[in-house]
């Protein structure tokens, strides 16, 4: 299952915080507005979202760009550490190929 990951970046007393991570199945990934990730099943997706919520719960950022890049980078790092069958980042062209198969 290919999901588009999105999140909210909201102001707080000490800067911007990222929360409310969500994943929506998609056939057209958009890495400009989020990150596309392939998951084996819903349980893996839910566990991944939980990891993100925990990791970013106390982090604060000075601007939206810094927040977006930090989240995107962390997601890509998590994916790189996972075994091959686990979550994987998906490019738009790869998603199109998977849809055709």
N, C-alpha and C. Protein backbone atom coordinates (compact mmCIF):
# COMPACT_ATOMS: atom_id res chain seq x y z
N UNK A 1 0.85 -1.17 0.00
CA UNK A 1 0.00 0.00 0.00
C UNK A 1 0.90 1.24 0.00
N UNK A 2 0.64 2.14 -0.92
CA UNK A 2 1.40 3.39 -1.00
C UNK A 2 0.57 4.48 -0.34
N UNK A 3 1.19 5.17 0.61
CA UNK A 3 0.48 6.21 1.35
C UNK A 3 1.22 7.54 1.25
N UNK A 4 0.44 8.58 1.20
CA UNK A 4 0.96 9.95 1.26
C UNK A 4 0.93 10.36 2.73
N UNK A 5 2.11 10.68 3.29
CA UNK A 5 2.19 11.12 4.68
C UNK A 5 2.09 12.64 4.72
N UNK A 6 1.26 13.12 5.61
CA UNK A 6 1.09 14.55 5.83
C UNK A 6 1.04 14.80 7.33
N UNK A 7 1.20 16.04 7.71
CA UNK A 7 1.18 16.41 9.12
C UNK A 7 0.84 17.87 9.24
N UNK A 8 0.53 18.27 10.45
CA UNK A 8 0.24 19.68 10.71
C UNK A 8 1.45 20.30 11.39
N UNK A 9 1.74 21.53 10.99
CA UNK A 9 2.78 22.33 11.64
C UNK A 9 2.07 23.51 12.27
N UNK A 10 2.05 23.51 13.59
CA UNK A 10 1.28 24.52 14.33
C UNK A 10 2.17 25.31 15.29
N UNK A 11 1.83 26.59 15.52
CA UNK A 11 2.62 27.41 16.43
C UNK A 11 2.40 27.00 17.88
N UNK A 12 3.46 27.16 18.66
CA UNK A 12 3.41 26.91 20.10
C UNK A 12 4.20 28.00 20.82
N UNK A 13 4.29 27.89 22.11
CA UNK A 13 5.01 28.91 22.88
C UNK A 13 6.50 28.96 22.56
N UNK A 14 7.07 27.83 22.19
CA UNK A 14 8.52 27.78 21.94
C UNK A 14 8.87 27.59 20.47
N UNK A 15 7.92 27.76 19.59
CA UNK A 15 8.18 27.60 18.16
C UNK A 15 7.14 26.71 17.52
N UNK A 16 7.38 26.35 16.28
CA UNK A 16 6.45 25.51 15.53
C UNK A 16 6.65 24.04 15.89
N UNK A 17 5.54 23.35 16.04
CA UNK A 17 5.59 21.91 16.33
C UNK A 17 4.88 21.13 15.24
N UNK A 18 5.31 19.90 15.03
CA UNK A 18 4.70 19.02 14.04
C UNK A 18 3.94 17.92 14.76
N UNK A 19 2.70 17.70 14.34
CA UNK A 19 1.87 16.68 14.96
C UNK A 19 0.77 16.26 14.00
N UNK A 20 -0.12 15.42 14.50
CA UNK A 20 -1.25 14.92 13.72
C UNK A 20 -0.80 14.30 12.40
N UNK A 21 0.19 13.42 12.51
CA UNK A 21 0.68 12.71 11.33
C UNK A 21 -0.41 11.78 10.83
N UNK A 22 -0.58 11.74 9.51
CA UNK A 22 -1.59 10.87 8.92
C UNK A 22 -1.07 10.31 7.60
N UNK A 23 -1.65 9.20 7.21
CA UNK A 23 -1.25 8.54 5.97
C UNK A 23 -2.52 8.21 5.19
N UNK A 24 -2.54 8.63 3.94
CA UNK A 24 -3.69 8.39 3.07
C UNK A 24 -3.20 7.62 1.85
N UNK A 25 -3.88 6.52 1.56
CA UNK A 25 -3.50 5.75 0.37
C UNK A 25 -3.61 6.62 -0.87
N UNK A 26 -2.66 6.45 -1.79
CA UNK A 26 -2.64 7.28 -2.99
C UNK A 26 -2.07 6.52 -4.17
N UNK A 27 -2.49 6.93 -5.34
CA UNK A 27 -1.93 6.41 -6.58
C UNK A 27 -1.01 7.46 -7.22
N UNK A 28 -1.07 8.69 -6.68
CA UNK A 28 -0.28 9.79 -7.23
C UNK A 28 0.49 10.49 -6.09
N UNK A 29 1.63 9.94 -5.68
CA UNK A 29 2.40 10.55 -4.59
C UNK A 29 2.85 11.97 -4.92
N UNK A 30 2.86 12.81 -3.90
CA UNK A 30 3.27 14.21 -4.05
C UNK A 30 4.32 14.52 -2.99
N UNK A 31 5.58 14.42 -3.37
CA UNK A 31 6.68 14.65 -2.42
C UNK A 31 6.95 16.13 -2.18
N UNK A 32 6.21 17.01 -2.85
CA UNK A 32 6.33 18.44 -2.59
C UNK A 32 5.53 18.84 -1.36
N UNK A 33 4.43 18.14 -1.09
CA UNK A 33 3.54 18.49 0.02
C UNK A 33 3.58 17.47 1.15
N UNK A 34 4.42 16.49 1.04
CA UNK A 34 4.52 15.44 2.05
C UNK A 34 5.53 14.42 1.59
N UNK A 35 5.37 13.20 2.08
CA UNK A 35 6.28 12.13 1.70
C UNK A 35 5.44 10.90 1.38
N UNK A 36 5.74 10.24 0.27
CA UNK A 36 5.04 9.01 -0.09
C UNK A 36 5.85 7.82 0.41
N UNK A 37 5.16 6.89 1.06
CA UNK A 37 5.82 5.73 1.64
C UNK A 37 4.99 4.49 1.34
N UNK A 38 5.67 3.38 1.04
CA UNK A 38 5.00 2.11 0.82
C UNK A 38 5.04 1.30 2.12
N UNK A 39 3.89 0.79 2.53
CA UNK A 39 3.78 -0.03 3.72
C UNK A 39 3.26 -1.40 3.34
N UNK A 40 3.63 -2.40 4.12
CA UNK A 40 3.15 -3.76 3.87
C UNK A 40 1.69 -3.90 4.26
N UNK A 41 1.29 -3.23 5.37
CA UNK A 41 -0.09 -3.35 5.84
C UNK A 41 -0.42 -2.18 6.76
N UNK A 42 -1.66 -2.16 7.24
CA UNK A 42 -2.12 -1.06 8.10
C UNK A 42 -1.41 -1.04 9.44
N UNK A 43 -1.07 -2.20 9.97
CA UNK A 43 -0.37 -2.26 11.26
C UNK A 43 1.00 -1.59 11.16
N UNK A 44 1.72 -1.85 10.08
CA UNK A 44 3.02 -1.22 9.87
C UNK A 44 2.87 0.29 9.72
N UNK A 45 1.85 0.71 8.98
CA UNK A 45 1.58 2.13 8.79
C UNK A 45 1.29 2.81 10.13
N UNK A 46 0.42 2.21 10.93
CA UNK A 46 0.04 2.79 12.22
C UNK A 46 1.23 2.88 13.17
N UNK A 47 2.07 1.85 13.17
CA UNK A 47 3.26 1.87 14.02
C UNK A 47 4.22 2.98 13.58
N UNK A 48 4.36 3.15 12.28
CA UNK A 48 5.23 4.19 11.74
C UNK A 48 4.74 5.58 12.14
N UNK A 49 3.43 5.80 12.02
CA UNK A 49 2.86 7.09 12.41
C UNK A 49 3.05 7.34 13.90
N UNK A 50 2.93 6.31 14.71
CA UNK A 50 3.16 6.43 16.15
C UNK A 50 4.59 6.83 16.45
N UNK A 51 5.53 6.25 15.72
CA UNK A 51 6.95 6.62 15.89
C UNK A 51 7.16 8.10 15.59
N UNK A 52 6.52 8.58 14.54
CA UNK A 52 6.67 9.99 14.16
C UNK A 52 6.09 10.91 15.23
N UNK A 53 4.90 10.58 15.73
CA UNK A 53 4.28 11.40 16.78
C UNK A 53 5.19 11.49 18.00
N UNK A 54 5.74 10.35 18.40
CA UNK A 54 6.62 10.31 19.58
C UNK A 54 7.89 11.12 19.35
N UNK A 55 8.50 10.93 18.20
CA UNK A 55 9.77 11.60 17.90
C UNK A 55 9.61 13.12 17.85
N UNK A 56 8.51 13.60 17.26
CA UNK A 56 8.35 15.04 17.08
C UNK A 56 7.52 15.73 18.16
N UNK A 57 7.10 14.98 19.17
CA UNK A 57 6.25 15.55 20.22
C UNK A 57 6.86 16.77 20.91
N UNK A 58 8.14 16.75 21.17
CA UNK A 58 8.78 17.85 21.91
C UNK A 58 9.70 18.73 21.06
N UNK A 59 9.83 18.42 19.79
CA UNK A 59 10.70 19.22 18.94
C UNK A 59 9.99 20.48 18.48
N UNK A 60 10.74 21.57 18.38
CA UNK A 60 10.20 22.85 17.91
C UNK A 60 11.12 23.39 16.82
N UNK A 61 10.51 24.17 15.92
CA UNK A 61 11.23 24.70 14.77
C UNK A 61 10.96 26.19 14.64
N UNK A 62 11.90 26.90 14.00
CA UNK A 62 11.77 28.35 13.87
C UNK A 62 10.90 28.76 12.68
N UNK A 63 10.77 27.88 11.67
CA UNK A 63 9.94 28.23 10.51
C UNK A 63 9.40 26.97 9.84
N UNK A 64 8.44 27.14 8.95
CA UNK A 64 7.79 26.02 8.28
C UNK A 64 8.74 25.19 7.44
N UNK A 65 9.65 25.85 6.75
CA UNK A 65 10.60 25.13 5.89
C UNK A 65 11.49 24.20 6.72
N UNK A 66 11.97 24.68 7.84
CA UNK A 66 12.82 23.86 8.71
C UNK A 66 12.04 22.67 9.25
N UNK A 67 10.79 22.90 9.61
CA UNK A 67 9.94 21.82 10.13
C UNK A 67 9.71 20.77 9.05
N UNK A 68 9.35 21.20 7.85
CA UNK A 68 9.09 20.27 6.75
C UNK A 68 10.32 19.44 6.43
N UNK A 69 11.46 20.08 6.30
CA UNK A 69 12.69 19.37 5.97
C UNK A 69 13.10 18.40 7.07
N UNK A 70 12.90 18.78 8.32
CA UNK A 70 13.25 17.89 9.44
C UNK A 70 12.38 16.64 9.43
N UNK A 71 11.08 16.82 9.20
CA UNK A 71 10.17 15.67 9.17
C UNK A 71 10.50 14.78 7.98
N UNK A 72 10.65 15.39 6.81
CA UNK A 72 10.94 14.62 5.60
C UNK A 72 12.25 13.84 5.75
N UNK A 73 13.27 14.49 6.26
CA UNK A 73 14.57 13.84 6.46
C UNK A 73 14.46 12.69 7.45
N UNK A 74 13.74 12.92 8.54
CA UNK A 74 13.60 11.86 9.54
C UNK A 74 12.86 10.65 8.96
N UNK A 75 11.81 10.90 8.20
CA UNK A 75 11.07 9.81 7.57
C UNK A 75 11.99 9.01 6.65
N UNK A 76 12.74 9.70 5.83
CA UNK A 76 13.65 9.01 4.90
C UNK A 76 14.72 8.23 5.64
N UNK A 77 15.21 8.76 6.78
CA UNK A 77 16.19 8.03 7.58
C UNK A 77 15.57 6.78 8.21
N UNK A 78 14.34 6.89 8.71
CA UNK A 78 13.66 5.73 9.28
C UNK A 78 13.49 4.63 8.22
N UNK A 79 13.10 5.04 7.03
CA UNK A 79 12.88 4.08 5.95
C UNK A 79 14.19 3.39 5.57
N UNK A 80 15.27 4.14 5.54
CA UNK A 80 16.56 3.57 5.17
C UNK A 80 17.02 2.52 6.18
N UNK A 81 16.62 2.65 7.43
CA UNK A 81 17.02 1.69 8.47
C UNK A 81 16.16 0.44 8.51
N UNK A 82 14.99 0.49 7.88
CA UNK A 82 14.07 -0.65 7.92
C UNK A 82 14.55 -1.76 6.98
N UNK A 83 14.16 -3.01 7.30
CA UNK A 83 14.46 -4.12 6.37
C UNK A 83 13.78 -3.90 5.03
N UNK A 84 14.24 -4.60 4.00
CA UNK A 84 13.74 -4.42 2.63
C UNK A 84 12.22 -4.52 2.53
N UNK A 85 11.59 -5.48 3.21
CA UNK A 85 10.16 -5.67 3.04
C UNK A 85 9.34 -4.62 3.77
N UNK A 86 9.98 -3.85 4.62
CA UNK A 86 9.26 -2.84 5.40
C UNK A 86 9.04 -1.58 4.58
N UNK A 87 8.60 -0.53 5.26
CA UNK A 87 8.27 0.73 4.61
C UNK A 87 9.37 1.20 3.67
N UNK A 88 8.97 1.79 2.58
CA UNK A 88 9.92 2.30 1.61
C UNK A 88 9.38 3.59 1.00
N UNK A 89 10.26 4.55 0.78
CA UNK A 89 9.86 5.79 0.12
C UNK A 89 9.54 5.47 -1.34
N UNK A 90 8.57 6.16 -1.89
CA UNK A 90 8.12 5.89 -3.24
C UNK A 90 8.15 7.18 -4.05
N UNK A 91 8.81 7.11 -5.21
CA UNK A 91 8.82 8.26 -6.10
C UNK A 91 7.53 8.21 -6.93
N UNK A 92 7.10 9.35 -7.46
CA UNK A 92 5.89 9.37 -8.30
C UNK A 92 5.97 8.41 -9.48
N UNK A 93 7.13 8.30 -10.13
CA UNK A 93 7.25 7.41 -11.29
C UNK A 93 7.16 5.94 -10.86
N UNK A 94 7.71 5.62 -9.69
CA UNK A 94 7.63 4.25 -9.19
C UNK A 94 6.19 3.89 -8.84
N UNK A 95 5.46 4.85 -8.29
CA UNK A 95 4.05 4.61 -7.95
C UNK A 95 3.24 4.33 -9.21
N UNK A 96 3.52 5.07 -10.27
CA UNK A 96 2.80 4.85 -11.54
C UNK A 96 3.08 3.46 -12.08
N UNK A 97 4.33 3.00 -11.98
CA UNK A 97 4.68 1.66 -12.44
C UNK A 97 3.95 0.61 -11.62
N UNK A 98 3.86 0.81 -10.32
CA UNK A 98 3.17 -0.16 -9.45
C UNK A 98 1.68 -0.21 -9.77
N UNK A 99 1.10 0.93 -10.10
CA UNK A 99 -0.33 0.98 -10.44
C UNK A 99 -0.60 0.18 -11.73
N UNK A 100 0.33 0.25 -12.69
CA UNK A 100 0.14 -0.44 -13.95
C UNK A 100 0.31 -1.93 -13.82
N UNK A 101 1.07 -2.38 -12.83
CA UNK A 101 1.35 -3.82 -12.67
C UNK A 101 0.16 -4.58 -12.14
